[in-house]
C-alpha cells in the first residue's frame, strides 16, 4: 500500500477532483479505496492518455484530408472543425 499523501483529506479530495475531471464523470466507487497519491497518478495517466488520443485523432483527420480534392478541403476542414 502506498504511503499517505501530504495534505490528508484535502489531498484526497483534490486527487478525486482531478480524477473526476480526467474521466469527465464521477469515478467508479471502487477507485475511492485507492490512496491519494495513487488517485493523483491515475488522474495524470488518464489525462495524458486522452491528450495523446486527441493528438492521434487530429493527425489522422488531417492525414485523411489528403484524400479529399483540393477544392473541397477548406469546406471539409470547417465541417470537421480542424
C-alpha atoms as a PDB file:
ATOM      1  CA  UNK A   1       0.000   0.000   0.000  1.00  0.00           C
ATOM      2  CA  UNK A   2       1.260   3.498  -0.778  1.00  0.00           C
ATOM      3  CA  UNK A   3       2.286   5.981   1.885  1.00  0.00           C
ATOM      4  CA  UNK A   4      -0.346   8.562   2.837  1.00  0.00           C
ATOM      5  CA  UNK A   5      -0.134  11.681   0.736  1.00  0.00           C
ATOM      6  CA  UNK A   6       0.654  15.001   2.308  1.00  0.00           C
ATOM      7  CA  UNK A   7      -2.428  17.087   2.776  1.00  0.00           C
ATOM      8  CA  UNK A   8      -4.627  14.313   4.184  1.00  0.00           C
ATOM      9  CA  UNK A   9      -8.297  14.721   3.330  1.00  0.00           C
ATOM     10  CA  UNK A  10      -7.664  17.825   1.211  1.00  0.00           C
ATOM     11  CA  UNK A  11      -5.097  15.958  -0.876  1.00  0.00           C
ATOM     12  CA  UNK A  12      -7.508  13.067  -1.287  1.00  0.00           C
ATOM     13  CA  UNK A  13     -10.344  15.391  -2.343  1.00  0.00           C
ATOM     14  CA  UNK A  14      -8.019  17.156  -4.750  1.00  0.00           C
ATOM     15  CA  UNK A  15      -6.979  13.811  -6.240  1.00  0.00           C
ATOM     16  CA  UNK A  16     -10.606  12.688  -6.567  1.00  0.00           C
ATOM     17  CA  UNK A  17     -11.455  16.005  -8.263  1.00  0.00           C
ATOM     18  CA  UNK A  18      -8.561  15.567 -10.701  1.00  0.00           C
ATOM     19  CA  UNK A  19      -9.712  12.020 -11.452  1.00  0.00           C
ATOM     20  CA  UNK A  20     -13.299  13.206 -11.926  1.00  0.00           C
ATOM     21  CA  UNK A  21     -12.047  15.829 -14.411  1.00  0.00           C
ATOM     22  CA  UNK A  22      -9.932  13.257 -16.282  1.00  0.00           C
ATOM     23  CA  UNK A  23     -12.888  10.857 -16.550  1.00  0.00           C
ATOM     24  CA  UNK A  24     -15.454  13.584 -17.326  1.00  0.00           C
ATOM     25  CA  UNK A  25     -17.696  11.911 -14.738  1.00  0.00           C
ATOM     26  CA  UNK A  26     -17.622  10.618 -11.189  1.00  0.00           C
ATOM     27  CA  UNK A  27     -15.056   7.858 -10.694  1.00  0.00           C
ATOM     28  CA  UNK A  28     -16.350   4.339 -10.034  1.00  0.00           C
ATOM     29  CA  UNK A  29     -16.883   3.639  -6.334  1.00  0.00           C
ATOM     30  CA  UNK A  30     -14.107   1.053  -6.192  1.00  0.00           C
ATOM     31  CA  UNK A  31     -11.460   3.654  -7.027  1.00  0.00           C
ATOM     32  CA  UNK A  32     -12.199   5.523  -3.812  1.00  0.00           C
ATOM     33  CA  UNK A  33     -10.298   2.755  -1.991  1.00  0.00           C
ATOM     34  CA  UNK A  34      -7.042   3.997  -3.569  1.00  0.00           C
ATOM     35  CA  UNK A  35      -4.660   6.262  -1.673  1.00  0.00           C
ATOM     36  CA  UNK A  36      -4.494   9.947  -2.629  1.00  0.00           C
ATOM     37  CA  UNK A  37      -1.161   9.581  -4.464  1.00  0.00           C
ATOM     38  CA  UNK A  38      -2.493   6.595  -6.415  1.00  0.00           C
ATOM     39  CA  UNK A  39      -5.604   8.578  -7.372  1.00  0.00           C
ATOM     40  CA  UNK A  40      -3.446  11.506  -8.485  1.00  0.00           C
ATOM     41  CA  UNK A  41      -1.219   9.224 -10.587  1.00  0.00           C
ATOM     42  CA  UNK A  42      -4.257   7.583 -12.181  1.00  0.00           C
ATOM     43  CA  UNK A  43      -5.734  11.010 -12.990  1.00  0.00           C
ATOM     44  CA  UNK A  44      -2.431  12.093 -14.553  1.00  0.00           C
ATOM     45  CA  UNK A  45      -2.160   8.908 -16.616  1.00  0.00           C
ATOM     46  CA  UNK A  46      -5.755   9.243 -17.850  1.00  0.00           C
ATOM     47  CA  UNK A  47      -5.316  12.909 -18.752  1.00  0.00           C
ATOM     48  CA  UNK A  48      -2.073  12.126 -20.635  1.00  0.00           C
ATOM     49  CA  UNK A  49      -3.748   9.255 -22.492  1.00  0.00           C
ATOM     50  CA  UNK A  50      -6.651  11.497 -23.509  1.00  0.00           C
ATOM     51  CA  UNK A  51      -4.211  14.158 -24.798  1.00  0.00           C
ATOM     52  CA  UNK A  52      -2.281  11.560 -26.823  1.00  0.00           C
ATOM     53  CA  UNK A  53      -5.501  10.101 -28.204  1.00  0.00           C
ATOM     54  CA  UNK A  54      -6.755  13.540 -29.254  1.00  0.00           C
ATOM     55  CA  UNK A  55      -3.443  14.316 -30.953  1.00  0.00           C
ATOM     56  CA  UNK A  56      -3.543  10.992 -32.821  1.00  0.00           C
ATOM     57  CA  UNK A  57      -7.150  11.502 -33.924  1.00  0.00           C
ATOM     58  CA  UNK A  58      -6.362  15.049 -35.085  1.00  0.00           C
ATOM     59  CA  UNK A  59      -3.335  13.775 -37.020  1.00  0.00           C
ATOM     60  CA  UNK A  60      -5.417  11.026 -38.622  1.00  0.00           C
ATOM     61  CA  UNK A  61      -8.129  13.503 -39.640  1.00  0.00           C
ATOM     62  CA  UNK A  62      -5.540  15.867 -41.082  1.00  0.00           C
ATOM     63  CA  UNK A  63      -3.903  12.985 -42.972  1.00  0.00           C
ATOM     64  CA  UNK A  64      -7.284  11.891 -44.306  1.00  0.00           C
ATOM     65  CA  UNK A  65      -7.705  15.319 -45.906  1.00  0.00           C
ATOM     66  CA  UNK A  66      -5.016  14.345 -48.410  1.00  0.00           C
ATOM     67  CA  UNK A  67      -7.658  12.076 -49.978  1.00  0.00           C
ATOM     68  CA  UNK A  68     -10.130  14.942 -50.377  1.00  0.00           C
ATOM     69  CA  UNK A  69      -9.930  17.018 -53.566  1.00  0.00           C
ATOM     70  CA  UNK A  70      -8.020  20.269 -53.001  1.00  0.00           C
ATOM     71  CA  UNK A  71     -11.030  22.473 -53.761  1.00  0.00           C
ATOM     72  CA  UNK A  72     -13.114  20.798 -51.059  1.00  0.00           C
ATOM     73  CA  UNK A  73     -10.510  20.679 -48.274  1.00  0.00           C
ATOM     74  CA  UNK A  74     -11.419  24.058 -46.767  1.00  0.00           C
ATOM     75  CA  UNK A  75     -15.074  23.105 -46.504  1.00  0.00           C
ATOM     76  CA  UNK A  76     -14.253  19.660 -45.093  1.00  0.00           C
ATOM     77  CA  UNK A  77     -11.875  21.212 -42.531  1.00  0.00           C
ATOM     78  CA  UNK A  78     -14.650  23.555 -41.436  1.00  0.00           C
ATOM     79  CA  UNK A  79     -17.161  20.704 -41.165  1.00  0.00           C
ATOM     80  CA  UNK A  80     -14.686  18.602 -39.141  1.00  0.00           C
ATOM     81  CA  UNK A  81     -13.727  21.634 -37.018  1.00  0.00           C
ATOM     82  CA  UNK A  82      -9.995  21.273 -37.755  1.00  0.00           C
END
